[in-house]
Amino acid sequence: MSAIFEDRSGTLWFGHESGGGLSKLAVGSEEFGHYRHVPDDPNSLSSDLVTSLYEDQEGILWIGTFSGLDRWQGATGEWRNYRHDPDDPASLAHDAIRSVYVDRANVLWVGTEGGLDRYDRQTDEFVHIGSPVVMWMHEGPSGTFWLATKDGLFTLDPDTEELELVTEGYAWKIMVYEDRSGVVWVGSSGDGLDRYDPSSGEWRHYESDPEDPSSLSDNFVEAIHEDQSGALWIGTRAGLNRFDRETERFTQYWVRDGLPHNAVVGIVEDDDRHLWLSTGGGLSRFDPKEETFRNYDVSD
């Protein structure tokens, strides 16, 4: 699994970048629904390679794939596919979608391999913003719009559509998350985890040390989530981590502890304070209090 998202009804959606299409799990259900690409059927997924998911304020689910952007209207079951057209400058910048995000103003932003796009609902067109490839977007509690890109960490002013570079780095920035205190956490593709305090400009770096079991489990950081209690969770290519802000140490969770796979690429929290984890081996529901896992795979 590559993407996980909880919509306003509490339904969990899962994207499969490896070719499994789109799945959903309704509240209180143990039965999954599945959506797949059907060749020559425009009323289906553009591709079974799903990379990203987000729901807008109208209840429309936007789905990023490696073959374009899909819009699914749950009330009618209607699909709409958007593709790059080299003869149409108002089409998507590129068919390979890395990230989708809807901000508080209900504006849809699409990170493609050709740069960042803003969708204009009035004209049904895409406006191209000159930018690197955006791997993840996050509008924090402070209102700052953060972009994790292949060329570093940026902020975006949605009104002027201007980008400002915060920090570069040799590794891709693939995850950014602003917690409730305003601290920004940045995950990279091989360079560990960074903590940035915008008020002071101070940076703090965390990385894996194979000799230290209380360090970050792996330097490829895929997911970051602050739970309702304020605990910070980090998903990596090799293990789930709980970060203790007071001691600055990590508690690691692995397959031996109950994970279905050590690669944890997405984290969402439900109303019961369970963490739902998308992993390289399927879906897992983690109870942080009991430290127990309930795993689901393709047979479900």
C-alpha atoms as a PDB file:
ATOM      1  CA  MET A   1       0.000   0.000   0.000  1.00  0.00           C
ATOM      2  CA  SER A   2       1.189   3.522  -0.760  1.00  0.00           C
ATOM      3  CA  ALA A   3      -1.601   5.849   0.376  1.00  0.00           C
ATOM      4  CA  ILE A   4      -4.115   5.939   3.208  1.00  0.00           C
ATOM      5  CA  PHE A   5      -6.853   8.493   3.898  1.00  0.00           C
ATOM      6  CA  GLU A   6      -9.894   8.791   6.175  1.00  0.00           C
ATOM      7  CA  ASP A   7     -12.848  10.667   4.673  1.00  0.00           C
ATOM      8  CA  ARG A   8     -15.426  12.737   6.559  1.00  0.00           C
ATOM      9  CA  SER A   9     -17.715   9.743   7.084  1.00  0.00           C
ATOM     10  CA  GLY A  10     -14.900   7.793   8.727  1.00  0.00           C
ATOM     11  CA  THR A  11     -14.399   5.472   5.759  1.00  0.00           C
ATOM     12  CA  LEU A  12     -10.764   4.499   5.259  1.00  0.00           C
ATOM     13  CA  TRP A  13      -9.354   4.531   1.725  1.00  0.00           C
ATOM     14  CA  PHE A  14      -6.194   2.729   0.652  1.00  0.00           C
ATOM     15  CA  GLY A  15      -4.180   3.153  -2.531  1.00  0.00           C
ATOM     16  CA  HIS A  16      -1.895   0.461  -3.884  1.00  0.00           C
ATOM     17  CA  GLU A  17       1.128   1.825  -5.751  1.00  0.00           C
ATOM     18  CA  SER A  18       2.174  -1.718  -6.634  1.00  0.00           C
ATOM     19  CA  GLY A  19      -0.911  -2.246  -8.802  1.00  0.00           C
ATOM     20  CA  GLY A  20      -3.722  -3.250  -6.455  1.00  0.00           C
ATOM     21  CA  GLY A  21      -5.961  -0.303  -7.293  1.00  0.00           C
ATOM     22  CA  LEU A  22      -8.104   1.373  -4.640  1.00  0.00           C
ATOM     23  CA  SER A  23      -9.707  -0.182  -1.548  1.00  0.00           C
ATOM     24  CA  LYS A  24     -12.021   1.109   1.166  1.00  0.00           C
ATOM     25  CA  LEU A  25     -13.148   0.000   4.610  1.00  0.00           C
ATOM     26  CA  ALA A  26     -16.364   1.491   5.998  1.00  0.00           C
ATOM     27  CA  VAL A  27     -16.781   2.443   9.646  1.00  0.00           C
ATOM     28  CA  GLY A  28     -17.573  -0.573  11.804  1.00  0.00           C
ATOM     29  CA  SER A  29     -17.053  -2.995   8.926  1.00  0.00           C
ATOM     30  CA  GLU A  30     -14.548  -5.786   8.420  1.00  0.00           C
ATOM     31  CA  GLU A  31     -15.372  -6.053   4.713  1.00  0.00           C
ATOM     32  CA  PHE A  32     -13.347  -4.200   2.102  1.00  0.00           C
ATOM     33  CA  GLY A  33     -14.592  -2.656  -1.126  1.00  0.00           C
ATOM     34  CA  HIS A  34     -12.292  -2.620  -4.148  1.00  0.00           C
ATOM     35  CA  TYR A  35     -12.007  -0.447  -7.276  1.00  0.00           C
ATOM     36  CA  ARG A  36      -9.835  -1.355 -10.240  1.00  0.00           C
ATOM     37  CA  HIS A  37      -8.904   0.014 -13.644  1.00  0.00           C
ATOM     38  CA  VAL A  38     -11.080  -1.385 -16.423  1.00  0.00           C
ATOM     39  CA  PRO A  39      -9.572  -0.941 -19.919  1.00  0.00           C
ATOM     40  CA  ASP A  40     -11.680   1.253 -22.230  1.00  0.00           C
ATOM     41  CA  ASP A  41     -14.046   2.128 -19.374  1.00  0.00           C
ATOM     42  CA  PRO A  42     -13.832   5.860 -18.481  1.00  0.00           C
ATOM     43  CA  ASN A  43     -16.037   5.183 -15.443  1.00  0.00           C
ATOM     44  CA  SER A  44     -13.179   3.427 -13.629  1.00  0.00           C
ATOM     45  CA  LEU A  45      -9.736   4.165 -12.223  1.00  0.00           C
ATOM     46  CA  SER A  46      -7.190   5.570 -14.681  1.00  0.00           C
ATOM     47  CA  SER A  47      -4.661   3.082 -13.348  1.00  0.00           C
ATOM     48  CA  ASP A  48      -4.277   0.463 -10.627  1.00  0.00           C
ATOM     49  CA  LEU A  49      -1.058   2.233  -9.571  1.00  0.00           C
ATOM     50  CA  VAL A  50      -2.523   4.596  -6.938  1.00  0.00           C
ATOM     51  CA  THR A  51      -0.122   7.022  -5.250  1.00  0.00           C
ATOM     52  CA  SER A  52      -2.213   9.548  -3.306  1.00  0.00           C
ATOM     53  CA  LEU A  53      -5.716  10.343  -2.006  1.00  0.00           C
ATOM     54  CA  TYR A  54      -7.614  13.358  -0.671  1.00  0.00           C
ATOM     55  CA  GLU A  55     -11.261  14.353  -0.161  1.00  0.00           C
ATOM     56  CA  ASP A  56     -12.488  17.889  -0.791  1.00  0.00           C
ATOM     57  CA  GLN A  57     -15.187  19.793   1.104  1.00  0.00           C
ATOM     58  CA  GLU A  58     -17.852  18.657  -1.353  1.00  0.00           C
ATOM     59  CA  GLY A  59     -17.192  14.999  -0.593  1.00  0.00           C
ATOM     60  CA  ILE A  60     -15.340  14.363  -3.861  1.00  0.00           C
ATOM     61  CA  LEU A  61     -12.420  11.943  -3.589  1.00  0.00           C
ATOM     62  CA  TRP A  62      -9.380  12.887  -5.656  1.00  0.00           C
ATOM     63  CA  ILE A  63      -7.085  10.003  -6.566  1.00  0.00           C
ATOM     64  CA  GLY A  64      -3.559  10.355  -7.901  1.00  0.00           C
ATOM     65  CA  THR A  65      -2.220   7.567 -10.107  1.00  0.00           C
ATOM     66  CA  PHE A  66       0.727   7.050 -12.436  1.00  0.00           C
ATOM     67  CA  SER A  67      -1.679   7.500 -15.367  1.00  0.00           C
ATOM     68  CA  GLY A  68      -3.436  10.709 -14.386  1.00  0.00           C
ATOM     69  CA  LEU A  69      -5.801  12.157 -11.796  1.00  0.00           C
ATOM     70  CA  ASP A  70      -9.226  10.695 -10.983  1.00  0.00           C
ATOM     71  CA  ARG A  71     -12.262  12.319  -9.416  1.00  0.00           C
ATOM     72  CA  TRP A  72     -14.822  10.051  -7.750  1.00  0.00           C
ATOM     73  CA  GLN A  73     -18.192  11.368  -6.618  1.00  0.00           C
ATOM     74  CA  GLY A  74     -19.434   8.990  -3.959  1.00  0.00           C
ATOM     75  CA  ALA A  75     -23.044  10.187  -4.055  1.00  0.00           C
ATOM     76  CA  THR A  76     -23.440   9.238  -7.726  1.00  0.00           C
ATOM     77  CA  GLY A  77     -20.614   6.741  -8.215  1.00  0.00           C
ATOM     78  CA  GLU A  78     -19.410   8.861 -11.144  1.00  0.00           C
ATOM     79  CA  TRP A  79     -15.756   8.855 -12.205  1.00  0.00           C
ATOM     80  CA  ARG A  80     -13.884  11.573 -14.086  1.00  0.00           C
ATOM     81  CA  ASN A  81     -10.365  11.109 -15.449  1.00  0.00           C
ATOM     82  CA  TYR A  82      -7.863  13.914 -16.068  1.00  0.00           C
ATOM     83  CA  ARG A  83      -4.800  13.339 -18.232  1.00  0.00           C
ATOM     84  CA  HIS A  84      -1.902  15.331 -19.611  1.00  0.00           C
ATOM     85  CA  ASP A  85      -2.510  16.532 -23.173  1.00  0.00           C
ATOM     86  CA  PRO A  86       0.577  18.003 -24.885  1.00  0.00           C
ATOM     87  CA  ASP A  87      -1.723  20.048 -27.127  1.00  0.00           C
ATOM     88  CA  ASP A  88      -3.655  21.544 -24.202  1.00  0.00           C
ATOM     89  CA  PRO A  89      -1.668  23.860 -21.897  1.00  0.00           C
ATOM     90  CA  ALA A  90      -4.548  23.815 -19.387  1.00  0.00           C
ATOM     91  CA  SER A  91      -4.361  20.047 -18.901  1.00  0.00           C
ATOM     92  CA  LEU A  92      -2.358  18.292 -16.193  1.00  0.00           C
ATOM     93  CA  ALA A  93       1.366  19.052 -16.266  1.00  0.00           C
ATOM     94  CA  HIS A  94       2.154  15.315 -16.222  1.00  0.00           C
ATOM     95  CA  ASP A  95       0.273  12.025 -15.876  1.00  0.00           C
ATOM     96  CA  ALA A  96       2.466  10.709 -13.053  1.00  0.00           C
ATOM     97  CA  ILE A  97       0.896  12.061  -9.858  1.00  0.00           C
ATOM     98  CA  ARG A  98       2.974  12.096  -6.680  1.00  0.00           C
ATOM     99  CA  SER A  99       0.637  13.946  -4.298  1.00  0.00           C
ATOM    100  CA  VAL A 100      -2.828  15.500  -4.048  1.00  0.00           C
ATOM    101  CA  TYR A 101      -4.017  17.956  -1.398  1.00  0.00           C
ATOM    102  CA  VAL A 102      -7.090  20.098  -0.706  1.00  0.00           C
ATOM    103  CA  ASP A 103      -6.428  23.179   1.411  1.00  0.00           C
ATOM    104  CA  ARG A 104      -8.773  24.938   3.846  1.00  0.00           C
ATOM    105  CA  ALA A 105     -10.124  27.108   1.019  1.00  0.00           C
ATOM    106  CA  ASN A 106     -11.121  23.892  -0.828  1.00  0.00           C
ATOM    107  CA  VAL A 107      -8.463  24.474  -3.484  1.00  0.00           C
ATOM    108  CA  LEU A 108      -7.072  21.300  -5.045  1.00  0.00           C
ATOM    109  CA  TRP A 109      -3.307  21.089  -5.529  1.00  0.00           C
ATOM    110  CA  VAL A 110      -1.702  18.303  -7.545  1.00  0.00           C
ATOM    111  CA  GLY A 111       1.968  17.372  -7.367  1.00  0.00           C
ATOM    112  CA  THR A 112       3.054  15.801 -10.661  1.00  0.00           C
ATOM    113  CA  GLU A 113       6.347  14.721 -12.185  1.00  0.00           C
ATOM    114  CA  GLY A 114       6.011  17.900 -14.260  1.00  0.00           C
ATOM    115  CA  GLY A 115       5.602  20.200 -11.251  1.00  0.00           C
ATOM    116  CA  LEU A 116       2.779  21.549  -9.094  1.00  0.00           C
ATOM    117  CA  ASP A 117      -0.701  22.227 -10.497  1.00  0.00           C
ATOM    118  CA  ARG A 118      -3.669  24.123  -9.076  1.00  0.00           C
ATOM    119  CA  TYR A 119      -7.097  23.017 -10.257  1.00  0.00           C
ATOM    120  CA  ASP A 120      -9.515  25.811 -11.239  1.00  0.00           C
ATOM    121  CA  ARG A 121     -13.019  24.535 -10.526  1.00  0.00           C
ATOM    122  CA  GLN A 122     -14.679  27.352 -12.475  1.00  0.00           C
ATOM    123  CA  THR A 123     -12.901  26.642 -15.748  1.00  0.00           C
ATOM    124  CA  ASP A 124     -12.155  22.939 -15.148  1.00  0.00           C
ATOM    125  CA  GLU A 125      -8.532  23.683 -16.014  1.00  0.00           C
ATOM    126  CA  PHE A 126      -5.136  23.272 -14.382  1.00  0.00           C
ATOM    127  CA  VAL A 127      -2.827  26.200 -13.632  1.00  0.00           C
ATOM    128  CA  HIS A 128       0.857  25.273 -13.621  1.00  0.00           C
ATOM    129  CA  ILE A 129       3.043  26.536 -10.781  1.00  0.00           C
ATOM    130  CA  GLY A 130       6.768  26.514 -11.479  1.00  0.00           C
ATOM    131  CA  SER A 131       8.098  24.098  -8.879  1.00  0.00           C
ATOM    132  CA  PRO A 132      10.137  20.951  -8.320  1.00  0.00           C
ATOM    133  CA  VAL A 133       8.358  17.610  -8.060  1.00  0.00           C
ATOM    134  CA  VAL A 134       6.172  17.794  -4.940  1.00  0.00           C
ATOM    135  CA  MET A 135       6.129  14.538  -3.003  1.00  0.00           C
ATOM    136  CA  TRP A 136       3.891  15.707  -0.143  1.00  0.00           C
ATOM    137  CA  MET A 137       1.859  18.782   0.846  1.00  0.00           C
ATOM    138  CA  HIS A 138       0.634  19.879   4.271  1.00  0.00           C
ATOM    139  CA  GLU A 139      -1.176  22.989   5.502  1.00  0.00           C
ATOM    140  CA  GLY A 140      -0.235  23.245   9.157  1.00  0.00           C
ATOM    141  CA  PRO A 141      -2.203  24.598  12.131  1.00  0.00           C
ATOM    142  CA  SER A 142      -0.309  27.888  11.693  1.00  0.00           C
ATOM    143  CA  GLY A 143      -1.685  28.223   8.156  1.00  0.00           C
ATOM    144  CA  THR A 144       1.719  27.734   6.543  1.00  0.00           C
ATOM    145  CA  PHE A 145       1.593  25.611   3.389  1.00  0.00           C
ATOM    146  CA  TRP A 146       4.553  23.212   3.348  1.00  0.00           C
ATOM    147  CA  LEU A 147       5.866  21.352   0.298  1.00  0.00           C
ATOM    148  CA  ALA A 148       8.234  18.383   0.526  1.00  0.00           C
ATOM    149  CA  THR A 149       9.939  18.124  -2.859  1.00  0.00           C
ATOM    150  CA  LYS A 150      12.759  16.374  -4.664  1.00  0.00           C
ATOM    151  CA  ASP A 151      14.738  19.631  -4.359  1.00  0.00           C
ATOM    152  CA  GLY A 152      14.152  20.364  -0.672  1.00  0.00           C
ATOM    153  CA  LEU A 153      11.543  21.852   1.657  1.00  0.00           C
ATOM    154  CA  PHE A 154       9.497  24.825   0.424  1.00  0.00           C
ATOM    155  CA  THR A 155       6.630  26.987   1.604  1.00  0.00           C
ATOM    156  CA  LEU A 156       3.894  28.100  -0.777  1.00  0.00           C
ATOM    157  CA  ASP A 157       1.845  31.291  -0.602  1.00  0.00           C
ATOM    158  CA  PRO A 158      -1.507  30.153  -2.063  1.00  0.00           C
ATOM    159  CA  ASP A 159      -2.528  33.741  -2.859  1.00  0.00           C
ATOM    160  CA  THR A 160       0.543  34.743  -4.869  1.00  0.00           C
ATOM    161  CA  GLU A 161       1.502  31.151  -5.771  1.00  0.00           C
ATOM    162  CA  GLU A 162       5.103  31.983  -4.898  1.00  0.00           C
ATOM    163  CA  LEU A 163       7.437  29.373  -3.443  1.00  0.00           C
ATOM    164  CA  GLU A 164      10.163  29.978  -0.888  1.00  0.00           C
ATOM    165  CA  LEU A 165      12.986  27.525  -0.275  1.00  0.00           C
ATOM    166  CA  VAL A 166      13.397  26.644   3.409  1.00  0.00           C
ATOM    167  CA  THR A 167      16.157  24.076   3.112  1.00  0.00           C
ATOM    168  CA  GLU A 168      17.885  22.017   0.473  1.00  0.00           C
ATOM    169  CA  GLY A 169      19.388  18.564   0.860  1.00  0.00           C
ATOM    170  CA  TYR A 170      20.941  15.775  -1.138  1.00  0.00           C
ATOM    171  CA  ALA A 171      18.012  13.466  -0.336  1.00  0.00           C
ATOM    172  CA  TRP A 172      14.452  13.996  -1.510  1.00  0.00           C
ATOM    173  CA  LYS A 173      12.099  15.489   1.069  1.00  0.00           C
ATOM    174  CA  ILE A 174       9.159  13.097   0.868  1.00  0.00           C
ATOM    175  CA  MET A 175       7.126  13.975   3.963  1.00  0.00           C
ATOM    176  CA  VAL A 176       6.395  17.171   5.915  1.00  0.00           C
ATOM    177  CA  TYR A 177       4.161  17.576   8.965  1.00  0.00           C
ATOM    178  CA  GLU A 178       3.515  20.554  11.242  1.00  0.00           C
ATOM    179  CA  ASP A 179       2.455  19.497  14.741  1.00  0.00           C
ATOM    180  CA  ARG A 180       0.061  21.354  17.040  1.00  0.00           C
ATOM    181  CA  SER A 181       2.880  23.331  18.659  1.00  0.00           C
ATOM    182  CA  GLY A 182       4.019  24.670  15.286  1.00  0.00           C
ATOM    183  CA  VAL A 183       7.114  22.477  15.029  1.00  0.00           C
ATOM    184  CA  VAL A 184       7.723  21.087  11.544  1.00  0.00           C
ATOM    185  CA  TRP A 185       8.914  17.516  10.984  1.00  0.00           C
ATOM    186  CA  VAL A 186      10.537  16.612   7.673  1.00  0.00           C
ATOM    187  CA  GLY A 187      11.176  13.086   6.421  1.00  0.00           C
ATOM    188  CA  SER A 188      13.613  12.304   3.639  1.00  0.00           C
ATOM    189  CA  SER A 189      14.580   9.482   1.315  1.00  0.00           C
ATOM    190  CA  GLY A 190      17.650   8.252   3.151  1.00  0.00           C
ATOM    191  CA  ASP A 191      18.675  11.213   5.300  1.00  0.00           C
ATOM    192  CA  GLY A 192      16.494  10.551   8.341  1.00  0.00           C
ATOM    193  CA  LEU A 193      14.166  12.928  10.180  1.00  0.00           C
ATOM    194  CA  ASP A 194      14.535  16.673  10.735  1.00  0.00           C
ATOM    195  CA  ARG A 195      12.839  18.879  13.319  1.00  0.00           C
ATOM    196  CA  TYR A 196      12.430  22.551  12.394  1.00  0.00           C
ATOM    197  CA  ASP A 197      11.194  25.315  14.691  1.00  0.00           C
ATOM    198  CA  PRO A 198      10.063  28.231  12.464  1.00  0.00           C
ATOM    199  CA  SER A 199       9.922  30.628  15.434  1.00  0.00           C
ATOM    200  CA  SER A 200      13.622  30.218  16.238  1.00  0.00           C
ATOM    201  CA  GLY A 201      14.927  28.907  12.927  1.00  0.00           C
ATOM    202  CA  GLU A 202      16.517  25.998  14.813  1.00  0.00           C
ATOM    203  CA  TRP A 203      17.006  22.593  13.177  1.00  0.00           C
ATOM    204  CA  ARG A 204      17.531  19.230  14.883  1.00  0.00           C
ATOM    205  CA  HIS A 205      18.493  16.085  12.968  1.00  0.00           C
ATOM    206  CA  TYR A 206      17.697  12.461  13.857  1.00  0.00           C
ATOM    207  CA  GLU A 207      19.043   9.416  12.088  1.00  0.00           C
ATOM    208  CA  SER A 208      19.278   5.672  12.450  1.00  0.00           C
ATOM    209  CA  ASP A 209      22.113   4.081  14.389  1.00  0.00           C
ATOM    210  CA  PRO A 210      22.196   0.266  14.051  1.00  0.00           C
ATOM    211  CA  GLU A 211      24.030   0.091  17.383  1.00  0.00           C
ATOM    212  CA  ASP A 212      21.351   2.113  19.214  1.00  0.00           C
ATOM    213  CA  PRO A 213      17.882   0.502  19.533  1.00  0.00           C
ATOM    214  CA  SER A 214      16.421   3.792  20.793  1.00  0.00           C
ATOM    215  CA  SER A 215      17.415   5.694  17.646  1.00  0.00           C
ATOM    216  CA  LEU A 216      15.254   6.107  14.538  1.00  0.00           C
ATOM    217  CA  SER A 217      14.760   2.654  13.020  1.00  0.00           C
ATOM    218  CA  ASP A 218      15.582   3.701   9.438  1.00  0.00           C
ATOM    219  CA  ASN A 219      16.616   6.817   7.512  1.00  0.00           C
ATOM    220  CA  PHE A 220      13.960   6.535   4.792  1.00  0.00           C
ATOM    221  CA  VAL A 221      11.006   8.310   6.426  1.00  0.00           C
ATOM    222  CA  GLU A 222       7.652   7.721   4.715  1.00  0.00           C
ATOM    223  CA  ALA A 223       4.999   8.878   7.224  1.00  0.00           C
ATOM    224  CA  ILE A 224       4.631  11.246  10.193  1.00  0.00           C
ATOM    225  CA  HIS A 225       1.585  11.619  12.452  1.00  0.00           C
ATOM    226  CA  GLU A 226       0.861  13.330  15.776  1.00  0.00           C
ATOM    227  CA  ASP A 227      -1.882  11.427  17.589  1.00  0.00           C
ATOM    228  CA  GLN A 228      -4.650  12.831  19.798  1.00  0.00           C
ATOM    229  CA  SER A 229      -2.493  12.427  22.910  1.00  0.00           C
ATOM    230  CA  GLY A 230       0.362  14.391  21.331  1.00  0.00           C
ATOM    231  CA  ALA A 231       2.608  11.403  20.662  1.00  0.00           C
ATOM    232  CA  LEU A 232       4.577  11.539  17.415  1.00  0.00           C
ATOM    233  CA  TRP A 233       4.682   8.475  15.161  1.00  0.00           C
ATOM    234  CA  ILE A 234       7.123   7.968  12.294  1.00  0.00           C
ATOM    235  CA  GLY A 235       6.776   5.337   9.604  1.00  0.00           C
ATOM    236  CA  THR A 236       9.937   4.288   7.781  1.00  0.00           C
ATOM    237  CA  ARG A 237      11.030   1.753   5.172  1.00  0.00           C
ATOM    238  CA  ALA A 238      12.150  -0.387   8.118  1.00  0.00           C
ATOM    239  CA  GLY A 239       9.916  -0.045  11.140  1.00  0.00           C
ATOM    240  CA  LEU A 240       7.368   2.086  12.987  1.00  0.00           C
ATOM    241  CA  ASN A 241       8.667   4.551  15.590  1.00  0.00           C
ATOM    242  CA  ARG A 242       7.180   6.391  18.557  1.00  0.00           C
ATOM    243  CA  PHE A 243       9.156   9.513  19.442  1.00  0.00           C
ATOM    244  CA  ASP A 244       9.488  10.670  23.062  1.00  0.00           C
ATOM    245  CA  ARG A 245       9.886  14.457  22.958  1.00  0.00           C
ATOM    246  CA  GLU A 246      11.322  14.656  26.487  1.00  0.00           C
ATOM    247  CA  THR A 247      14.091  12.092  26.065  1.00  0.00           C
ATOM    248  CA  GLU A 248      14.369  12.490  22.277  1.00  0.00           C
ATOM    249  CA  ARG A 249      14.472   8.709  21.969  1.00  0.00           C
ATOM    250  CA  PHE A 250      12.519   6.372  19.727  1.00  0.00           C
ATOM    251  CA  THR A 251      10.579   3.206  20.497  1.00  0.00           C
ATOM    252  CA  GLN A 252      10.760   0.874  17.502  1.00  0.00           C
ATOM    253  CA  TYR A 253       8.129  -1.600  16.289  1.00  0.00           C
ATOM    254  CA  TRP A 254       8.913  -4.348  13.791  1.00  0.00           C
ATOM    255  CA  VAL A 255       7.453  -7.497  12.255  1.00  0.00           C
ATOM    256  CA  ARG A 256       8.596  -9.339  15.362  1.00  0.00           C
ATOM    257  CA  ASP A 257       6.276  -7.066  17.369  1.00  0.00           C
ATOM    258  CA  GLY A 258       3.280  -7.781  15.136  1.00  0.00           C
ATOM    259  CA  LEU A 259       3.631  -5.564  12.058  1.00  0.00           C
ATOM    260  CA  PRO A 260       2.724  -7.349   8.801  1.00  0.00           C
ATOM    261  CA  HIS A 261       5.741  -5.734   7.087  1.00  0.00           C
ATOM    262  CA  ASN A 262       8.538  -3.471   8.280  1.00  0.00           C
ATOM    263  CA  ALA A 263       7.854  -0.783   5.645  1.00  0.00           C
ATOM    264  CA  VAL A 264       5.269   1.663   7.051  1.00  0.00           C
ATOM    265  CA  VAL A 265       4.280   4.216   4.410  1.00  0.00           C
ATOM    266  CA  GLY A 266       1.107   5.810   5.797  1.00  0.00           C
ATOM    267  CA  ILE A 267      -0.529   6.536   9.174  1.00  0.00           C
ATOM    268  CA  VAL A 268      -4.050   7.746  10.043  1.00  0.00           C
ATOM    269  CA  GLU A 269      -5.877   7.737  13.385  1.00  0.00           C
ATOM    270  CA  ASP A 270      -9.517   6.785  13.930  1.00  0.00           C
ATOM    271  CA  ASP A 271     -11.984   8.028  16.562  1.00  0.00           C
ATOM    272  CA  ASP A 272     -11.021   5.151  18.867  1.00  0.00           C
ATOM    273  CA  ARG A 273      -7.395   6.343  18.808  1.00  0.00           C
ATOM    274  CA  HIS A 274      -6.260   3.331  16.822  1.00  0.00           C
ATOM    275  CA  LEU A 275      -3.549   3.952  14.239  1.00  0.00           C
ATOM    276  CA  TRP A 276      -4.179   2.521  10.775  1.00  0.00           C
ATOM    277  CA  LEU A 277      -0.917   1.740   9.020  1.00  0.00           C
ATOM    278  CA  SER A 278      -0.410   1.150   5.318  1.00  0.00           C
ATOM    279  CA  THR A 279       2.571  -1.173   4.963  1.00  0.00           C
ATOM    280  CA  GLY A 280       4.472  -3.131   2.358  1.00  0.00           C
ATOM    281  CA  GLY A 281       2.518  -6.207   3.453  1.00  0.00           C
ATOM    282  CA  GLY A 282      -0.999  -4.803   3.696  1.00  0.00           C
ATOM    283  CA  LEU A 283      -3.026  -2.879   6.250  1.00  0.00           C
ATOM    284  CA  SER A 284      -2.575  -2.942  10.026  1.00  0.00           C
ATOM    285  CA  ARG A 285      -4.604  -1.485  12.895  1.00  0.00           C
ATOM    286  CA  PHE A 286      -2.388  -0.650  15.853  1.00  0.00           C
ATOM    287  CA  ASP A 287      -3.597  -0.055  19.412  1.00  0.00           C
ATOM    288  CA  PRO A 288      -0.961   2.256  20.966  1.00  0.00           C
ATOM    289  CA  LYS A 289      -2.238   1.640  24.489  1.00  0.00           C
ATOM    290  CA  GLU A 290      -2.029  -2.151  24.301  1.00  0.00           C
ATOM    291  CA  GLU A 291       0.750  -2.159  21.669  1.00  0.00           C
ATOM    292  CA  THR A 292      -1.113  -4.779  19.624  1.00  0.00           C
ATOM    293  CA  PHE A 293      -1.596  -5.130  15.866  1.00  0.00           C
ATOM    294  CA  ARG A 294      -4.567  -6.423  13.835  1.00  0.00           C
ATOM    295  CA  ASN A 295      -3.388  -7.152  10.305  1.00  0.00           C
ATOM    296  CA  TYR A 296      -5.311  -7.328   7.021  1.00  0.00           C
ATOM    297  CA  ASP A 297      -4.110  -8.557   3.629  1.00  0.00           C
ATOM    298  CA  VAL A 298      -5.487  -9.233   0.132  1.00  0.00           C
ATOM    299  CA  SER A 299      -7.569 -12.144   1.433  1.00  0.00           C
ATOM    300  CA  ASP A 300      -9.695  -9.595   3.322  1.00  0.00           C
END
